[in-house]
Amino acid sequence: MNIALRITLFALLTSFNLACHEEATQQEQYDAPLVLWHALRGMDQVHLRKDLTRFEHKTGLKVLALQLPHQAFANKLQVSIPRGNGPDVFIGPHDRVGDWAEAGHIEALSYWVKPEAYLKFMASPLEAFTYKQQLYGLPLSCKALALFYNPQVIPQAPETIAELIQQAQQFQAQTKSNRGEQSWGLAYPELDSLYFHAPWLHAFGAQVIERGQLNLNHTAMHKSVALVKKLRDQGLIPPEIDGALASELFRRGKLAFLINGPWFMSELADFDSERWAVALLPSLKKTSTQNPDPQVMRPYLSVEGVMVSAYSKQSQKAWRLAQFLASPQLAIHRQDRGELIAYQDQSLSDGRKDDQVDSSSSKPNSKQKKWQAIFQAQVKSSIPLSNDPQMKGLWTPVKRALGQSILYDADIKKSFAEAEKAVSKQVQQSQKETQDD
């Protein structure tokens, strides 16, 4: 987050609005239970229930938590909130913040957040919930891609893409010589996914949306796609790949490197801990005095956070709940459970000193601490997935362009020219529908 944006946010966060204060005081008299919506499942939902129970015991306020299906979550919010039958607070992804803010569905938190609280978070996760210089949510947990490898055959993680290619080729040659089997150097679950292709694009210094402008058909995109296609054509990347196959190849020792996220850890729970390790994604070049910018493969950062409905009749209580869920004390317990969090290290140290919450979660072992540290470092060097409303219309056209270019030898420039045209048309149509409404 640049200095100008930080200064602007600080000015907004420290501003005092008497009208908002009077309204919040009136709303505090509203005595209905707080309604919280989420799409969490499994143990994540269990932990949320425990956290809400702690909040109720601490504050005396009641919370009604409703779980919604993940696929229907965003649409349900969009329909229900303006009709007054939506939640007071909800937990959701940051990438729809632009849509919800433009529609007036979520409340800007400038009045509520104090500057010292703002500084406790890492910049990137907080930037993810910032739209048009307003903060609309508090980050809870983060996800980003990193590099998995087998330290028994790859003694040291590569620092550059050139080193990765060299090590992958050596691995393939050695595997074929020793066992006569086909092996692969590198894989990730979806070759035609923008989410998984983004690190390559970012290494060449571009993004798909820059300063609010669509930016698909340019040299950086062409170079990044050409590089992946070259690696596939050379037999370093499998010609056909998906998440299940990538996982199987890695577990069977037939894959040198796998780009994946922290969710992959669950598939390694029963796997020999000596046969896998995690490293930061490499860069195009090594850092030197002649080359201060190493052109690092920076993955997308996706952030789950807590937001307050602009239609809540008890926004002050809703803010108290949001603040509690995003507190350093609960972040510590999420980290102990293996989640990636958004706080600065010093804030966590202070939180452990002040921690009054009993945690039933087990403490992380040394292996878990090590991979968590790598992923947390990767979070710091990630680029937040854009929350611009244009983003939601971008995935399918870009998927088509990546697939045509990498898998089916189509002309890269032509494919992305068509993708940019399709996205622009869709954005214009969406804007027209909004104006008509």
Protein backbone atom coordinates (compact mmCIF):
# COMPACT_ATOMS: atom_id res chain seq x y z
CA MET A 1 0.00 0.00 0.00
CA ASN A 2 1.62 3.30 -1.04
CA ILE A 3 2.29 6.22 1.32
CA ALA A 4 -0.39 8.45 -0.20
CA LEU A 5 -3.05 5.79 0.34
CA ARG A 6 -1.92 5.22 3.93
CA ILE A 7 -2.09 8.97 4.67
CA THR A 8 -5.55 9.23 3.12
CA LEU A 9 -6.80 6.25 5.12
CA PHE A 10 -5.36 7.70 8.32
CA ALA A 11 -7.20 10.96 7.69
CA LEU A 12 -10.44 9.08 7.14
CA LEU A 13 -9.95 6.80 10.12
CA THR A 14 -9.30 9.66 12.54
CA SER A 15 -12.17 11.85 11.39
CA PHE A 16 -14.99 12.33 13.89
CA ASN A 17 -18.55 12.33 12.60
CA LEU A 18 -21.09 13.54 15.18
CA ALA A 19 -24.07 12.46 13.11
CA CYS A 20 -22.76 8.89 12.91
CA HIS A 21 -22.19 8.89 16.66
CA GLU A 22 -25.75 9.98 17.41
CA GLU A 23 -27.15 7.39 15.00
CA ALA A 24 -25.03 4.64 16.56
CA THR A 25 -26.25 5.62 20.03
CA GLN A 26 -29.86 5.30 18.90
CA GLN A 27 -29.20 1.96 17.25
CA GLU A 28 -27.61 0.60 20.42
CA GLN A 29 -31.09 0.64 21.96
CA TYR A 30 -32.27 -1.92 19.39
CA ASP A 31 -32.36 -5.20 21.30
CA ALA A 32 -32.61 -7.98 18.68
CA PRO A 33 -29.88 -10.64 18.38
CA LEU A 34 -27.07 -9.83 15.98
CA VAL A 35 -27.37 -11.85 12.78
CA LEU A 36 -24.15 -13.18 11.25
CA TRP A 37 -23.96 -14.95 7.89
CA HIS A 38 -21.08 -17.13 6.75
CA ALA A 39 -20.25 -19.99 4.39
CA LEU A 40 -17.80 -21.81 6.67
CA ARG A 41 -17.92 -25.58 6.90
CA GLY A 42 -16.44 -28.39 8.97
CA MET A 43 -14.03 -27.43 11.72
CA ASP A 44 -14.01 -23.80 10.57
CA GLN A 45 -17.68 -23.61 11.46
CA VAL A 46 -17.07 -25.34 14.80
CA HIS A 47 -14.37 -22.82 15.71
CA LEU A 48 -16.62 -19.93 14.71
CA ARG A 49 -19.37 -21.19 17.02
CA LYS A 50 -16.88 -21.30 19.89
CA ASP A 51 -15.71 -17.77 19.14
CA LEU A 52 -19.30 -16.50 19.06
CA THR A 53 -20.00 -18.17 22.40
CA ARG A 54 -17.01 -16.35 23.88
CA PHE A 55 -18.30 -13.08 22.45
CA GLU A 56 -21.73 -13.65 24.00
CA HIS A 57 -20.23 -14.44 27.40
CA LYS A 58 -17.95 -11.41 27.23
CA THR A 59 -20.52 -8.85 26.07
CA GLY A 60 -23.92 -10.23 27.03
CA LEU A 61 -25.03 -9.79 23.41
CA LYS A 62 -26.72 -12.59 21.49
CA VAL A 63 -25.62 -13.72 18.03
CA LEU A 64 -27.62 -15.78 15.54
CA ALA A 65 -25.21 -17.41 13.07
CA LEU A 66 -26.55 -18.72 9.77
CA GLN A 67 -24.53 -20.83 7.35
CA LEU A 68 -25.24 -20.35 3.64
CA PRO A 69 -24.00 -22.45 0.70
CA HIS A 70 -20.80 -21.00 -0.69
CA GLN A 71 -22.05 -20.80 -4.28
CA ALA A 72 -25.18 -18.87 -3.30
CA PHE A 73 -23.57 -16.63 -0.68
CA ALA A 74 -22.81 -13.50 -2.74
CA ASN A 75 -26.16 -13.48 -4.56
CA LYS A 76 -28.07 -14.03 -1.32
CA LEU A 77 -26.32 -11.04 0.25
CA GLN A 78 -26.96 -8.85 -2.77
CA VAL A 79 -30.69 -9.61 -2.71
CA SER A 80 -31.32 -9.68 1.04
CA ILE A 81 -29.34 -6.73 2.43
CA PRO A 82 -31.19 -3.88 0.64
CA ARG A 83 -34.53 -5.47 1.56
CA GLY A 84 -33.65 -5.28 5.24
CA ASN A 85 -33.65 -9.04 5.87
CA GLY A 86 -29.93 -9.64 5.53
CA PRO A 87 -27.28 -9.99 8.23
CA ASP A 88 -25.83 -7.36 10.54
CA VAL A 89 -22.38 -8.86 10.04
CA PHE A 90 -21.04 -11.37 7.55
CA ILE A 91 -17.81 -13.22 6.85
CA GLY A 92 -16.83 -13.35 3.20
CA PRO A 93 -14.12 -12.92 0.57
CA HIS A 94 -12.62 -9.54 -0.18
CA ASP A 95 -12.89 -9.72 -3.97
CA ARG A 96 -16.56 -8.64 -3.99
CA VAL A 97 -15.98 -5.56 -1.85
CA GLY A 98 -16.10 -3.24 -4.87
CA ASP A 99 -19.51 -4.55 -5.93
CA TRP A 100 -20.95 -4.38 -2.43
CA ALA A 101 -19.52 -0.91 -1.77
CA GLU A 102 -20.85 0.49 -5.06
CA ALA A 103 -24.28 -0.94 -4.26
CA GLY A 104 -24.22 0.57 -0.76
CA HIS A 105 -24.52 -2.83 0.91
CA ILE A 106 -21.56 -2.60 3.28
CA GLU A 107 -20.57 0.08 5.73
CA ALA A 108 -17.25 1.89 5.49
CA LEU A 109 -15.35 1.33 8.73
CA SER A 110 -13.55 4.69 8.75
CA TYR A 111 -15.55 5.90 11.74
CA TRP A 112 -14.94 2.77 13.79
CA VAL A 113 -11.30 1.82 13.22
CA LYS A 114 -8.62 3.62 15.21
CA PRO A 115 -5.24 4.29 13.56
CA GLU A 116 -3.34 2.18 16.08
CA ALA A 117 -5.60 -0.80 15.29
CA TYR A 118 -5.05 -0.25 11.58
CA LEU A 119 -1.28 -0.43 12.02
CA LYS A 120 -1.49 -3.87 13.64
CA PHE A 121 -2.39 -5.50 10.31
CA MET A 122 -0.06 -6.30 7.45
CA ALA A 123 -0.52 -3.86 4.58
CA SER A 124 -1.59 -6.30 1.84
CA PRO A 125 -4.55 -7.96 3.63
CA LEU A 126 -5.86 -4.57 4.71
CA GLU A 127 -5.42 -3.21 1.19
CA ALA A 128 -7.57 -6.11 -0.01
CA PHE A 129 -10.54 -4.64 1.90
CA THR A 130 -9.86 -1.08 0.75
CA TYR A 131 -11.93 0.31 -2.11
CA LYS A 132 -11.72 3.90 -3.34
CA GLN A 133 -9.64 4.79 -0.27
CA GLN A 134 -12.24 3.49 2.16
CA LEU A 135 -11.83 0.47 4.42
CA TYR A 136 -14.81 -1.92 4.25
CA GLY A 137 -13.72 -4.98 6.20
CA LEU A 138 -11.32 -6.45 8.73
CA PRO A 139 -9.20 -9.37 7.50
CA LEU A 140 -9.39 -12.70 9.32
CA SER A 141 -7.40 -15.20 7.27
CA CYS A 142 -5.35 -15.23 4.08
CA LYS A 143 -4.45 -17.61 1.28
CA ALA A 144 -1.64 -17.46 -1.27
CA LEU A 145 0.25 -19.89 -3.49
CA ALA A 146 3.75 -21.15 -2.69
CA LEU A 147 6.18 -23.77 -4.02
CA PHE A 148 6.09 -27.37 -2.74
CA TYR A 149 9.06 -29.66 -3.38
CA ASN A 150 10.71 -32.86 -2.16
CA PRO A 151 13.88 -31.98 -0.20
CA GLN A 152 15.16 -35.55 -0.59
CA VAL A 153 15.62 -35.00 -4.34
CA ILE A 154 15.74 -31.17 -4.40
CA PRO A 155 18.26 -30.27 -1.66
CA GLN A 156 17.74 -26.51 -1.95
CA ALA A 157 14.72 -24.58 -3.18
CA PRO A 158 15.33 -22.53 -6.35
CA GLU A 159 15.64 -18.76 -6.09
CA THR A 160 15.02 -18.13 -9.78
CA ILE A 161 12.90 -19.66 -12.52
CA ALA A 162 16.10 -20.63 -14.36
CA GLU A 163 17.24 -22.62 -11.31
CA LEU A 164 13.80 -24.24 -11.03
CA ILE A 165 13.96 -25.34 -14.67
CA GLN A 166 17.48 -26.71 -14.26
CA GLN A 167 16.59 -28.66 -11.10
CA ALA A 168 13.39 -29.96 -12.68
CA GLN A 169 15.26 -31.21 -15.75
CA GLN A 170 17.85 -32.93 -13.57
CA PHE A 171 15.05 -34.58 -11.58
CA GLN A 172 13.40 -35.85 -14.76
CA ALA A 173 16.67 -37.24 -16.12
CA GLN A 174 17.55 -38.94 -12.83
CA THR A 175 14.08 -40.47 -12.42
CA LYS A 176 14.11 -41.83 -15.97
CA SER A 177 17.61 -43.25 -15.52
CA ASN A 178 16.90 -44.93 -12.17
CA ARG A 179 13.37 -46.22 -12.72
CA GLY A 180 12.65 -45.79 -16.40
CA GLU A 181 9.47 -43.90 -15.53
CA GLN A 182 8.01 -40.67 -16.85
CA SER A 183 8.25 -37.81 -14.38
CA TRP A 184 7.51 -34.11 -14.54
CA GLY A 185 9.33 -31.01 -13.43
CA LEU A 186 6.52 -28.61 -12.52
CA ALA A 187 2.74 -28.60 -12.20
CA TYR A 188 -0.13 -26.64 -10.76
CA PRO A 189 -3.83 -27.56 -10.70
CA GLU A 190 -5.09 -25.43 -13.62
CA LEU A 191 -2.95 -24.22 -16.51
CA ASP A 192 -5.87 -22.17 -17.85
CA SER A 193 -6.72 -20.43 -14.57
CA LEU A 194 -5.86 -16.76 -14.06
CA TYR A 195 -5.46 -17.43 -10.34
CA PHE A 196 -2.64 -19.91 -10.98
CA HIS A 197 -1.19 -17.99 -13.93
CA ALA A 198 -1.04 -14.67 -12.06
CA PRO A 199 2.42 -15.26 -10.47
CA TRP A 200 3.94 -15.61 -13.96
CA LEU A 201 2.21 -12.43 -15.11
CA HIS A 202 3.24 -10.46 -12.02
CA ALA A 203 6.86 -11.56 -12.49
CA PHE A 204 6.81 -9.74 -15.83
CA GLY A 205 5.58 -6.60 -14.08
CA ALA A 206 1.89 -6.29 -14.97
CA GLN A 207 -1.60 -6.90 -13.59
CA VAL A 208 -4.94 -7.53 -15.28
CA ILE A 209 -6.47 -4.39 -13.76
CA GLU A 210 -4.25 -1.39 -13.10
CA ARG A 211 -5.58 1.87 -11.62
CA GLY A 212 -9.09 0.77 -12.47
CA GLN A 213 -8.28 0.09 -16.12
CA LEU A 214 -8.58 -3.31 -17.80
CA ASN A 215 -5.14 -4.48 -18.90
CA LEU A 216 -5.13 -7.89 -20.59
CA ASN A 217 -3.58 -7.71 -24.05
CA HIS A 218 -0.03 -6.48 -23.47
CA THR A 219 3.58 -7.61 -23.73
CA ALA A 220 3.86 -8.86 -20.14
CA MET A 221 0.85 -11.14 -20.60
CA HIS A 222 2.18 -12.41 -23.92
CA LYS A 223 5.61 -13.18 -22.42
CA SER A 224 4.20 -14.92 -19.35
CA VAL A 225 1.90 -17.14 -21.43
CA ALA A 226 4.68 -17.91 -23.91
CA LEU A 227 6.97 -19.02 -21.06
CA VAL A 228 4.40 -21.45 -19.61
CA LYS A 229 3.62 -22.79 -23.08
CA LYS A 230 7.34 -23.34 -23.71
CA LEU A 231 7.74 -25.31 -20.47
CA ARG A 232 4.75 -27.47 -21.40
CA ASP A 233 5.98 -28.02 -24.96
CA GLN A 234 9.40 -29.05 -23.61
CA GLY A 235 7.78 -31.72 -21.44
CA LEU A 236 8.55 -30.02 -18.14
CA ILE A 237 4.83 -29.49 -17.38
CA PRO A 238 2.32 -32.33 -17.96
CA PRO A 239 0.21 -31.78 -21.10
CA GLU A 240 -3.01 -32.43 -19.16
CA ILE A 241 -3.26 -31.61 -15.46
CA ASP A 242 -5.78 -31.00 -12.72
CA GLY A 243 -5.67 -30.75 -8.94
CA ALA A 244 -6.13 -34.47 -8.27
CA LEU A 245 -3.46 -35.52 -10.77
CA ALA A 246 -1.00 -32.89 -9.55
CA SER A 247 -1.44 -34.14 -5.98
CA GLU A 248 -1.03 -37.77 -7.02
CA LEU A 249 2.14 -37.07 -9.01
CA PHE A 250 3.69 -35.20 -6.10
CA ARG A 251 2.83 -37.87 -3.54
CA ARG A 252 4.18 -40.65 -5.80
CA GLY A 253 7.49 -38.86 -6.26
CA LYS A 254 6.92 -38.17 -9.96
CA LEU A 255 6.83 -34.39 -9.68
CA ALA A 256 9.72 -32.13 -8.70
CA PHE A 257 7.77 -28.94 -7.98
CA LEU A 258 4.13 -28.17 -7.29
CA ILE A 259 2.63 -24.68 -7.05
CA ASN A 260 -0.32 -24.82 -4.68
CA GLY A 261 -1.90 -23.18 -1.66
CA PRO A 262 -2.11 -23.94 2.08
CA TRP A 263 -5.24 -26.04 1.49
CA PHE A 264 -2.91 -28.67 -0.02
CA MET A 265 -1.56 -29.31 3.49
CA SER A 266 -4.60 -31.45 4.31
CA GLU A 267 -3.54 -33.87 1.55
CA LEU A 268 -0.11 -34.20 3.15
CA ALA A 269 -1.37 -35.00 6.64
CA ASP A 270 -0.56 -38.71 6.24
CA PHE A 271 2.48 -38.14 4.01
CA ASP A 272 6.11 -38.62 5.09
CA SER A 273 7.10 -35.22 6.51
CA GLU A 274 10.66 -35.68 5.24
CA ARG A 275 9.46 -35.85 1.63
CA TRP A 276 7.95 -32.41 1.32
CA ALA A 277 8.85 -28.81 2.05
CA VAL A 278 7.53 -25.36 1.14
CA ALA A 279 9.41 -22.41 -0.34
CA LEU A 280 8.68 -18.95 -1.66
CA LEU A 281 7.91 -18.72 -5.35
CA PRO A 282 11.06 -17.91 -7.35
CA SER A 283 11.89 -14.80 -9.36
CA LEU A 284 12.82 -14.27 -12.99
CA LYS A 285 16.24 -12.92 -12.05
CA LYS A 286 18.53 -12.71 -9.04
CA THR A 287 18.77 -9.45 -7.13
CA SER A 288 21.98 -7.52 -7.73
CA THR A 289 23.23 -3.94 -7.84
CA GLN A 290 22.60 -3.99 -11.58
CA ASN A 291 19.20 -5.63 -11.12
CA PRO A 292 17.50 -4.31 -7.94
CA ASP A 293 14.12 -5.66 -9.10
CA PRO A 294 14.29 -9.48 -9.25
CA GLN A 295 10.82 -9.72 -10.86
CA VAL A 296 9.42 -12.07 -8.24
CA MET A 297 6.55 -14.45 -8.93
CA ARG A 298 3.99 -12.81 -6.67
CA PRO A 299 0.77 -14.82 -6.29
CA TYR A 300 -2.69 -13.46 -5.74
CA LEU A 301 -3.65 -12.85 -2.13
CA SER A 302 -7.19 -13.88 -1.26
CA VAL A 303 -8.50 -12.74 2.10
CA GLU A 304 -11.50 -13.79 4.17
CA GLY A 305 -12.79 -11.02 6.39
CA VAL A 306 -15.65 -9.66 8.43
CA MET A 307 -17.90 -6.88 7.12
CA VAL A 308 -20.80 -4.86 8.53
CA SER A 309 -24.05 -4.36 6.62
CA ALA A 310 -24.93 -0.76 5.80
CA TYR A 311 -28.55 -1.70 6.56
CA SER A 312 -27.90 -3.01 10.07
CA LYS A 313 -30.20 -1.48 12.69
CA GLN A 314 -27.55 -1.98 15.36
CA SER A 315 -24.30 -1.08 13.66
CA GLN A 316 -22.45 -0.26 16.89
CA LYS A 317 -23.07 -3.76 18.24
CA ALA A 318 -22.24 -5.19 14.83
CA TRP A 319 -18.92 -3.37 14.91
CA ARG A 320 -18.19 -4.82 18.36
CA LEU A 321 -18.70 -8.31 16.95
CA ALA A 322 -16.54 -7.59 13.90
CA GLN A 323 -13.80 -6.15 16.09
CA PHE A 324 -13.89 -9.20 18.37
CA LEU A 325 -13.66 -11.69 15.50
CA ALA A 326 -10.70 -9.79 14.02
CA SER A 327 -8.88 -9.35 17.34
CA PRO A 328 -5.23 -10.41 17.77
CA GLN A 329 -6.28 -12.90 20.45
CA LEU A 330 -8.52 -14.86 18.07
CA ALA A 331 -5.95 -14.47 15.29
CA ILE A 332 -3.47 -16.30 17.51
CA HIS A 333 -5.82 -19.26 17.82
CA ARG A 334 -6.44 -19.29 14.07
CA GLN A 335 -2.69 -19.35 13.54
CA ASP A 336 -2.30 -22.20 16.04
CA ARG A 337 -4.89 -24.12 14.01
CA GLY A 338 -2.77 -23.68 10.88
CA GLU A 339 -4.45 -20.68 9.24
CA LEU A 340 -2.57 -17.78 7.66
CA ILE A 341 -3.43 -14.54 9.39
CA ALA A 342 -3.23 -10.83 8.60
CA TYR A 343 -1.52 -9.40 11.68
CA GLN A 344 1.98 -8.02 12.08
CA ASP A 345 4.28 -10.25 14.17
CA GLN A 346 4.59 -7.68 16.97
CA SER A 347 0.81 -7.41 17.26
CA LEU A 348 0.62 -11.16 17.78
CA SER A 349 3.28 -10.99 20.48
CA ASP A 350 1.24 -8.34 22.26
CA GLY A 351 -1.89 -10.42 21.73
CA ARG A 352 -0.36 -13.47 23.38
CA LYS A 353 0.46 -11.37 26.44
CA ASP A 354 -3.14 -10.14 26.63
CA ASP A 355 -4.76 -13.44 25.64
CA GLN A 356 -7.56 -14.35 28.01
CA VAL A 357 -9.26 -16.84 25.67
CA ASP A 358 -9.03 -20.53 26.45
CA SER A 359 -7.98 -22.37 23.31
CA SER A 360 -8.88 -26.01 22.76
CA SER A 361 -6.78 -26.17 19.61
CA SER A 362 -3.47 -27.99 19.70
CA LYS A 363 -0.27 -26.02 19.39
CA PRO A 364 1.54 -26.24 16.05
CA ASN A 365 4.52 -28.58 15.80
CA SER A 366 7.90 -27.51 14.43
CA LYS A 367 7.04 -28.67 10.90
CA GLN A 368 3.79 -26.72 10.91
CA LYS A 369 5.52 -23.62 12.25
CA LYS A 370 8.09 -23.84 9.47
CA TRP A 371 5.63 -24.07 6.59
CA GLN A 372 3.39 -21.44 8.19
CA ALA A 373 6.34 -19.06 8.34
CA ILE A 374 6.98 -19.60 4.62
CA PHE A 375 3.35 -19.01 3.70
CA GLN A 376 3.17 -15.93 5.95
CA ALA A 377 6.22 -14.54 4.17
CA GLN A 378 4.54 -15.32 0.85
CA VAL A 379 1.44 -13.41 2.00
CA LYS A 380 3.58 -10.32 2.56
CA SER A 381 4.89 -10.44 -1.02
CA SER A 382 1.53 -11.26 -2.61
CA ILE A 383 -0.73 -8.97 -4.62
CA PRO A 384 -4.32 -8.69 -3.37
CA LEU A 385 -6.82 -10.10 -5.82
CA SER A 386 -8.50 -7.01 -7.24
CA ASN A 387 -11.83 -6.08 -5.65
CA ASP A 388 -12.73 -3.94 -8.68
CA PRO A 389 -16.24 -4.82 -9.96
CA GLN A 390 -14.73 -5.53 -13.39
CA MET A 391 -12.92 -8.53 -11.94
CA LYS A 392 -15.92 -10.84 -11.74
CA GLY A 393 -16.43 -10.66 -15.51
CA LEU A 394 -12.81 -11.38 -16.27
CA TRP A 395 -12.33 -15.00 -15.19
CA THR A 396 -14.12 -16.84 -18.00
CA PRO A 397 -12.69 -14.86 -20.96
CA VAL A 398 -9.16 -15.11 -19.55
CA LYS A 399 -9.61 -18.83 -18.87
CA ARG A 400 -10.60 -19.27 -22.50
CA ALA A 401 -7.60 -17.25 -23.73
CA LEU A 402 -5.13 -19.14 -21.52
CA GLY A 403 -6.54 -22.49 -22.59
CA GLN A 404 -6.43 -21.61 -26.28
CA SER A 405 -2.88 -20.25 -26.05
CA ILE A 406 -1.24 -22.85 -23.80
CA LEU A 407 -3.19 -26.02 -24.54
CA TYR A 408 -4.26 -25.56 -28.16
CA ASP A 409 -1.49 -23.49 -29.78
CA ALA A 410 -3.71 -20.52 -30.63
CA ASP A 411 -2.15 -17.14 -31.33
CA ILE A 412 -1.51 -15.52 -27.93
CA LYS A 413 -2.07 -11.90 -28.98
CA LYS A 414 -5.27 -12.72 -30.83
CA SER A 415 -6.63 -14.81 -27.94
CA PHE A 416 -6.10 -12.05 -25.40
CA ALA A 417 -7.38 -9.35 -27.73
CA GLU A 418 -10.62 -11.33 -27.92
CA ALA A 419 -10.63 -11.78 -24.13
CA GLU A 420 -10.19 -8.06 -23.51
CA LYS A 421 -12.96 -7.27 -25.98
CA ALA A 422 -15.30 -9.77 -24.27
CA VAL A 423 -14.60 -8.37 -20.80
CA SER A 424 -15.06 -4.76 -21.96
CA LYS A 425 -18.39 -5.64 -23.54
CA GLN A 426 -19.54 -7.39 -20.37
CA VAL A 427 -18.50 -4.43 -18.18
CA GLN A 428 -20.37 -1.99 -20.41
CA GLN A 429 -23.48 -4.17 -20.28
CA SER A 430 -23.24 -4.40 -16.49
CA GLN A 431 -22.88 -0.62 -16.17
CA LYS A 432 -25.89 -0.09 -18.42
CA GLU A 433 -28.01 -2.46 -16.32
CA THR A 434 -26.94 -0.63 -13.15
CA GLN A 435 -27.91 2.73 -14.64
CA ASP A 436 -31.28 1.35 -15.77
CA ASP A 437 -31.97 0.11 -12.24
